[in-house]
Amino acid sequence: MLYLTSKNHLIKLEQLLKQCQLWSDALPSASALASHAPFACDTMAFEQWLQFIFIPKMTELIAQKHPLPTTMAIAPMAEQLWQGMPQRNVIIVHLQAFDVLLNKQQ
C-alpha cells in the first residue's frame, strides 16, 4: 500500500509541477545532475531537482520495492525557497503530505 500511495504522490507532484509551469523539457547537464550538494542547490533550481533527481530516484525505489526514506523533509526546503509565491503553495502542501506519509513508517 505504501508503494502505491507513494507512486500516486509522485504522479500528482509531476502534474502540479506542470500546472505551475515548473516542468522543464530541457535536461540539466551531466555535471548539474552529478551535484553532491543538498537538493543540488549549487547546480539547479529546486523544481529541477524534484523533476530530474527526486522523482526518478523515488520511482526507481518504488519499482524495485526498495525501502523508502523514513525521515523525509522536502517540504521545508520548498517553503523556504518559495515563500512569498502563493501560486506554489499547492506544491508545498503536497510535499508536506508526502513527507508525513513517509515519516509515518518509522
N, C-alpha and C. Protein backbone atom coordinates (compact mmCIF):
# COMPACT_ATOMS: atom_id res chain seq x y z
N MET A 1 0.82 -1.20 0.00
CA MET A 1 0.00 0.00 0.00
C MET A 1 0.86 1.26 0.00
N LEU A 2 1.96 1.24 0.76
CA LEU A 2 2.84 2.40 0.82
C LEU A 2 3.44 2.71 -0.54
N TYR A 3 3.82 1.66 -1.27
CA TYR A 3 4.42 1.87 -2.60
C TYR A 3 3.41 2.49 -3.56
N LEU A 4 2.20 2.00 -3.55
CA LEU A 4 1.16 2.53 -4.43
C LEU A 4 0.84 3.98 -4.07
N THR A 5 0.69 4.27 -2.80
CA THR A 5 0.40 5.63 -2.36
C THR A 5 1.55 6.57 -2.72
N SER A 6 2.78 6.11 -2.54
CA SER A 6 3.94 6.93 -2.88
C SER A 6 4.00 7.18 -4.39
N LYS A 7 3.72 6.15 -5.17
CA LYS A 7 3.71 6.32 -6.63
C LYS A 7 2.66 7.36 -7.03
N ASN A 8 1.50 7.31 -6.40
CA ASN A 8 0.45 8.29 -6.69
C ASN A 8 0.88 9.71 -6.30
N HIS A 9 1.63 9.82 -5.21
CA HIS A 9 2.15 11.13 -4.81
C HIS A 9 3.11 11.67 -5.87
N LEU A 10 3.94 10.81 -6.41
CA LEU A 10 4.89 11.25 -7.45
C LEU A 10 4.16 11.68 -8.72
N ILE A 11 3.14 10.94 -9.09
CA ILE A 11 2.34 11.29 -10.27
C ILE A 11 1.69 12.65 -10.07
N LYS A 12 1.12 12.86 -8.89
CA LYS A 12 0.48 14.13 -8.58
C LYS A 12 1.51 15.27 -8.54
N LEU A 13 2.68 15.00 -8.00
CA LEU A 13 3.73 16.02 -7.96
C LEU A 13 4.09 16.46 -9.38
N GLU A 14 4.24 15.50 -10.27
CA GLU A 14 4.53 15.85 -11.67
C GLU A 14 3.41 16.71 -12.25
N GLN A 15 2.18 16.33 -12.00
CA GLN A 15 1.04 17.11 -12.50
C GLN A 15 1.06 18.53 -11.96
N LEU A 16 1.36 18.68 -10.67
CA LEU A 16 1.39 20.01 -10.06
C LEU A 16 2.53 20.86 -10.61
N LEU A 17 3.68 20.25 -10.82
CA LEU A 17 4.80 20.99 -11.40
C LEU A 17 4.43 21.48 -12.81
N LYS A 18 3.75 20.65 -13.56
CA LYS A 18 3.32 21.05 -14.90
C LYS A 18 2.26 22.16 -14.83
N GLN A 19 1.31 22.00 -13.92
CA GLN A 19 0.26 23.03 -13.75
C GLN A 19 0.87 24.39 -13.42
N CYS A 20 1.88 24.39 -12.60
CA CYS A 20 2.52 25.62 -12.17
C CYS A 20 3.61 26.08 -13.14
N GLN A 21 3.69 25.41 -14.27
CA GLN A 21 4.66 25.72 -15.33
C GLN A 21 6.10 25.66 -14.82
N LEU A 22 6.36 24.67 -13.99
CA LEU A 22 7.70 24.46 -13.45
C LEU A 22 8.36 23.21 -14.03
N TRP A 23 7.68 22.55 -14.96
CA TRP A 23 8.21 21.34 -15.60
C TRP A 23 9.05 21.76 -16.79
N SER A 24 10.20 21.17 -16.93
CA SER A 24 11.13 21.55 -17.99
C SER A 24 11.28 20.43 -19.01
N ASP A 25 11.42 20.83 -20.26
CA ASP A 25 11.71 19.87 -21.32
C ASP A 25 13.21 19.70 -21.51
N ALA A 26 13.98 20.60 -20.95
CA ALA A 26 15.43 20.59 -21.11
C ALA A 26 16.10 19.87 -19.93
N LEU A 27 16.79 18.81 -20.23
CA LEU A 27 17.52 18.05 -19.21
C LEU A 27 18.74 18.84 -18.76
N PRO A 28 18.98 18.95 -17.44
CA PRO A 28 20.20 19.62 -16.97
C PRO A 28 21.44 18.86 -17.45
N SER A 29 22.56 19.53 -17.43
CA SER A 29 23.81 18.90 -17.86
C SER A 29 24.18 17.75 -16.92
N ALA A 30 25.05 16.89 -17.41
CA ALA A 30 25.52 15.76 -16.59
C ALA A 30 26.19 16.26 -15.32
N SER A 31 26.94 17.35 -15.42
CA SER A 31 27.61 17.88 -14.23
C SER A 31 26.60 18.43 -13.23
N ALA A 32 25.54 19.04 -13.71
CA ALA A 32 24.49 19.54 -12.81
C ALA A 32 23.82 18.38 -12.09
N LEU A 33 23.56 17.31 -12.81
CA LEU A 33 22.92 16.13 -12.22
C LEU A 33 23.83 15.41 -11.24
N ALA A 34 25.13 15.60 -11.37
CA ALA A 34 26.09 14.92 -10.51
C ALA A 34 26.39 15.69 -9.22
N SER A 35 25.69 16.76 -8.98
CA SER A 35 25.92 17.58 -7.79
C SER A 35 25.78 16.74 -6.52
N HIS A 36 26.63 17.05 -5.55
CA HIS A 36 26.56 16.38 -4.25
C HIS A 36 25.95 17.28 -3.18
N ALA A 37 25.62 18.50 -3.56
CA ALA A 37 25.01 19.44 -2.61
C ALA A 37 23.57 19.02 -2.32
N PRO A 38 23.06 19.31 -1.12
CA PRO A 38 21.66 19.00 -0.83
C PRO A 38 20.75 19.66 -1.87
N PHE A 39 19.82 18.88 -2.38
CA PHE A 39 18.86 19.35 -3.38
C PHE A 39 19.55 19.88 -4.64
N ALA A 40 20.81 19.54 -4.84
CA ALA A 40 21.60 20.03 -5.99
C ALA A 40 21.47 21.54 -6.11
N CYS A 41 21.43 22.20 -4.96
CA CYS A 41 21.18 23.64 -4.93
C CYS A 41 22.28 24.46 -5.57
N ASP A 42 23.42 23.86 -5.78
CA ASP A 42 24.52 24.58 -6.42
C ASP A 42 24.48 24.53 -7.95
N THR A 43 23.63 23.65 -8.50
CA THR A 43 23.64 23.48 -9.95
C THR A 43 22.28 23.60 -10.63
N MET A 44 21.20 23.56 -9.85
CA MET A 44 19.88 23.63 -10.49
C MET A 44 18.84 24.19 -9.53
N ALA A 45 17.73 24.61 -10.10
CA ALA A 45 16.61 25.11 -9.31
C ALA A 45 15.94 23.94 -8.59
N PHE A 46 15.27 24.24 -7.49
CA PHE A 46 14.61 23.21 -6.69
C PHE A 46 13.64 22.39 -7.52
N GLU A 47 12.84 23.06 -8.37
CA GLU A 47 11.87 22.32 -9.19
C GLU A 47 12.57 21.40 -10.18
N GLN A 48 13.78 21.77 -10.63
CA GLN A 48 14.54 20.87 -11.49
C GLN A 48 15.01 19.66 -10.69
N TRP A 49 15.44 19.89 -9.46
CA TRP A 49 15.85 18.77 -8.60
C TRP A 49 14.68 17.81 -8.41
N LEU A 50 13.49 18.36 -8.15
CA LEU A 50 12.32 17.50 -8.00
C LEU A 50 12.10 16.66 -9.25
N GLN A 51 12.15 17.31 -10.40
CA GLN A 51 11.86 16.65 -11.67
C GLN A 51 12.93 15.65 -12.09
N PHE A 52 14.18 16.04 -12.00
CA PHE A 52 15.24 15.24 -12.60
C PHE A 52 16.00 14.34 -11.64
N ILE A 53 15.86 14.57 -10.34
CA ILE A 53 16.55 13.73 -9.37
C ILE A 53 15.56 13.03 -8.43
N PHE A 54 14.74 13.81 -7.74
CA PHE A 54 13.84 13.22 -6.74
C PHE A 54 12.83 12.25 -7.34
N ILE A 55 12.07 12.71 -8.31
CA ILE A 55 11.02 11.85 -8.89
C ILE A 55 11.63 10.58 -9.50
N PRO A 56 12.69 10.67 -10.32
CA PRO A 56 13.26 9.43 -10.86
C PRO A 56 13.80 8.47 -9.80
N LYS A 57 14.49 9.01 -8.79
CA LYS A 57 15.04 8.13 -7.74
C LYS A 57 13.93 7.45 -6.95
N MET A 58 12.91 8.21 -6.59
CA MET A 58 11.79 7.62 -5.84
C MET A 58 11.04 6.60 -6.71
N THR A 59 10.87 6.91 -7.97
CA THR A 59 10.20 5.98 -8.89
C THR A 59 10.96 4.67 -8.96
N GLU A 60 12.28 4.76 -9.02
CA GLU A 60 13.10 3.54 -9.06
C GLU A 60 12.99 2.75 -7.77
N LEU A 61 13.05 3.44 -6.63
CA LEU A 61 12.89 2.73 -5.35
C LEU A 61 11.57 1.99 -5.29
N ILE A 62 10.52 2.65 -5.74
CA ILE A 62 9.18 2.04 -5.71
C ILE A 62 9.12 0.85 -6.65
N ALA A 63 9.63 1.01 -7.87
CA ALA A 63 9.58 -0.07 -8.87
C ALA A 63 10.35 -1.30 -8.40
N GLN A 64 11.47 -1.07 -7.72
CA GLN A 64 12.31 -2.17 -7.24
C GLN A 64 11.89 -2.67 -5.85
N LYS A 65 10.86 -2.03 -5.28
CA LYS A 65 10.39 -2.37 -3.93
C LYS A 65 11.51 -2.25 -2.88
N HIS A 66 12.39 -1.28 -3.09
CA HIS A 66 13.44 -0.99 -2.12
C HIS A 66 12.84 -0.18 -0.97
N PRO A 67 13.47 -0.17 0.18
CA PRO A 67 12.96 0.64 1.29
C PRO A 67 12.88 2.12 0.90
N LEU A 68 11.82 2.75 1.32
CA LEU A 68 11.64 4.18 1.05
C LEU A 68 12.18 4.98 2.23
N PRO A 69 12.54 6.24 1.99
CA PRO A 69 13.04 7.08 3.09
C PRO A 69 12.04 7.13 4.24
N THR A 70 12.56 7.15 5.46
CA THR A 70 11.67 7.21 6.63
C THR A 70 11.79 8.54 7.36
N THR A 71 12.69 9.36 6.94
CA THR A 71 12.83 10.70 7.53
C THR A 71 12.96 11.71 6.39
N MET A 72 11.88 11.93 5.71
CA MET A 72 11.90 12.83 4.57
C MET A 72 11.42 14.21 5.00
N ALA A 73 12.12 15.23 4.55
CA ALA A 73 11.76 16.61 4.87
C ALA A 73 12.04 17.49 3.65
N ILE A 74 11.21 17.31 2.64
CA ILE A 74 11.37 18.09 1.41
C ILE A 74 10.54 19.38 1.48
N ALA A 75 9.39 19.30 2.11
CA ALA A 75 8.51 20.47 2.18
C ALA A 75 9.19 21.69 2.81
N PRO A 76 9.97 21.55 3.89
CA PRO A 76 10.62 22.75 4.45
C PRO A 76 11.51 23.48 3.44
N MET A 77 12.17 22.74 2.57
CA MET A 77 13.01 23.38 1.55
C MET A 77 12.11 24.16 0.58
N ALA A 78 11.01 23.56 0.17
CA ALA A 78 10.07 24.24 -0.72
C ALA A 78 9.51 25.49 -0.05
N GLU A 79 9.16 25.38 1.23
CA GLU A 79 8.62 26.52 1.97
C GLU A 79 9.64 27.67 2.00
N GLN A 80 10.88 27.33 2.24
CA GLN A 80 11.94 28.34 2.32
C GLN A 80 12.16 29.02 0.97
N LEU A 81 12.29 28.23 -0.06
CA LEU A 81 12.59 28.77 -1.38
C LEU A 81 11.43 29.51 -2.02
N TRP A 82 10.23 29.05 -1.75
CA TRP A 82 9.05 29.59 -2.43
C TRP A 82 8.20 30.49 -1.54
N GLN A 83 8.75 30.96 -0.42
CA GLN A 83 7.96 31.86 0.41
C GLN A 83 7.64 33.11 -0.39
N GLY A 84 6.44 33.60 -0.23
CA GLY A 84 6.01 34.77 -0.98
C GLY A 84 5.56 34.44 -2.39
N MET A 85 5.45 33.16 -2.71
CA MET A 85 4.97 32.73 -4.03
C MET A 85 3.72 31.87 -3.82
N PRO A 86 2.58 32.50 -3.56
CA PRO A 86 1.38 31.73 -3.21
C PRO A 86 0.93 30.75 -4.29
N GLN A 87 1.30 30.98 -5.53
CA GLN A 87 0.91 30.09 -6.61
C GLN A 87 1.58 28.71 -6.47
N ARG A 88 2.61 28.64 -5.65
CA ARG A 88 3.32 27.36 -5.46
C ARG A 88 2.90 26.65 -4.17
N ASN A 89 1.97 27.25 -3.43
CA ASN A 89 1.52 26.64 -2.17
C ASN A 89 0.93 25.26 -2.38
N VAL A 90 0.27 25.03 -3.51
CA VAL A 90 -0.33 23.74 -3.77
C VAL A 90 0.75 22.64 -3.83
N ILE A 91 1.90 22.97 -4.35
CA ILE A 91 3.01 22.01 -4.39
C ILE A 91 3.56 21.80 -2.98
N ILE A 92 3.70 22.88 -2.24
CA ILE A 92 4.20 22.78 -0.86
C ILE A 92 3.30 21.89 -0.02
N VAL A 93 2.01 22.09 -0.11
CA VAL A 93 1.05 21.27 0.65
C VAL A 93 1.18 19.81 0.26
N HIS A 94 1.35 19.57 -1.01
CA HIS A 94 1.51 18.18 -1.49
C HIS A 94 2.80 17.56 -0.94
N LEU A 95 3.87 18.32 -0.95
CA LEU A 95 5.13 17.81 -0.41
C LEU A 95 5.04 17.57 1.09
N GLN A 96 4.30 18.42 1.80
CA GLN A 96 4.08 18.20 3.24
C GLN A 96 3.38 16.86 3.46
N ALA A 97 2.37 16.58 2.67
CA ALA A 97 1.62 15.32 2.81
C ALA A 97 2.52 14.13 2.50
N PHE A 98 3.38 14.26 1.51
CA PHE A 98 4.29 13.18 1.15
C PHE A 98 5.31 12.96 2.26
N ASP A 99 5.84 14.03 2.83
CA ASP A 99 6.75 13.93 3.97
C ASP A 99 6.08 13.16 5.11
N VAL A 100 4.86 13.54 5.43
CA VAL A 100 4.13 12.90 6.54
C VAL A 100 3.93 11.41 6.26
N LEU A 101 3.53 11.08 5.04
CA LEU A 101 3.31 9.68 4.67
C LEU A 101 4.56 8.85 4.92
N LEU A 102 5.69 9.31 4.42
CA LEU A 102 6.90 8.50 4.57
C LEU A 102 7.45 8.52 5.98
N ASN A 103 7.27 9.60 6.70
CA ASN A 103 7.76 9.67 8.07
C ASN A 103 6.95 8.80 9.02
N LYS A 104 5.72 8.46 8.65
CA LYS A 104 4.88 7.60 9.49
C LYS A 104 5.36 6.15 9.51
N GLN A 105 6.23 5.78 8.61
CA GLN A 105 6.74 4.40 8.55
C GLN A 105 7.59 4.04 9.75
N GLN A 106 8.14 5.03 10.41
CA GLN A 106 9.13 4.79 11.48
C GLN A 106 8.59 3.93 12.58
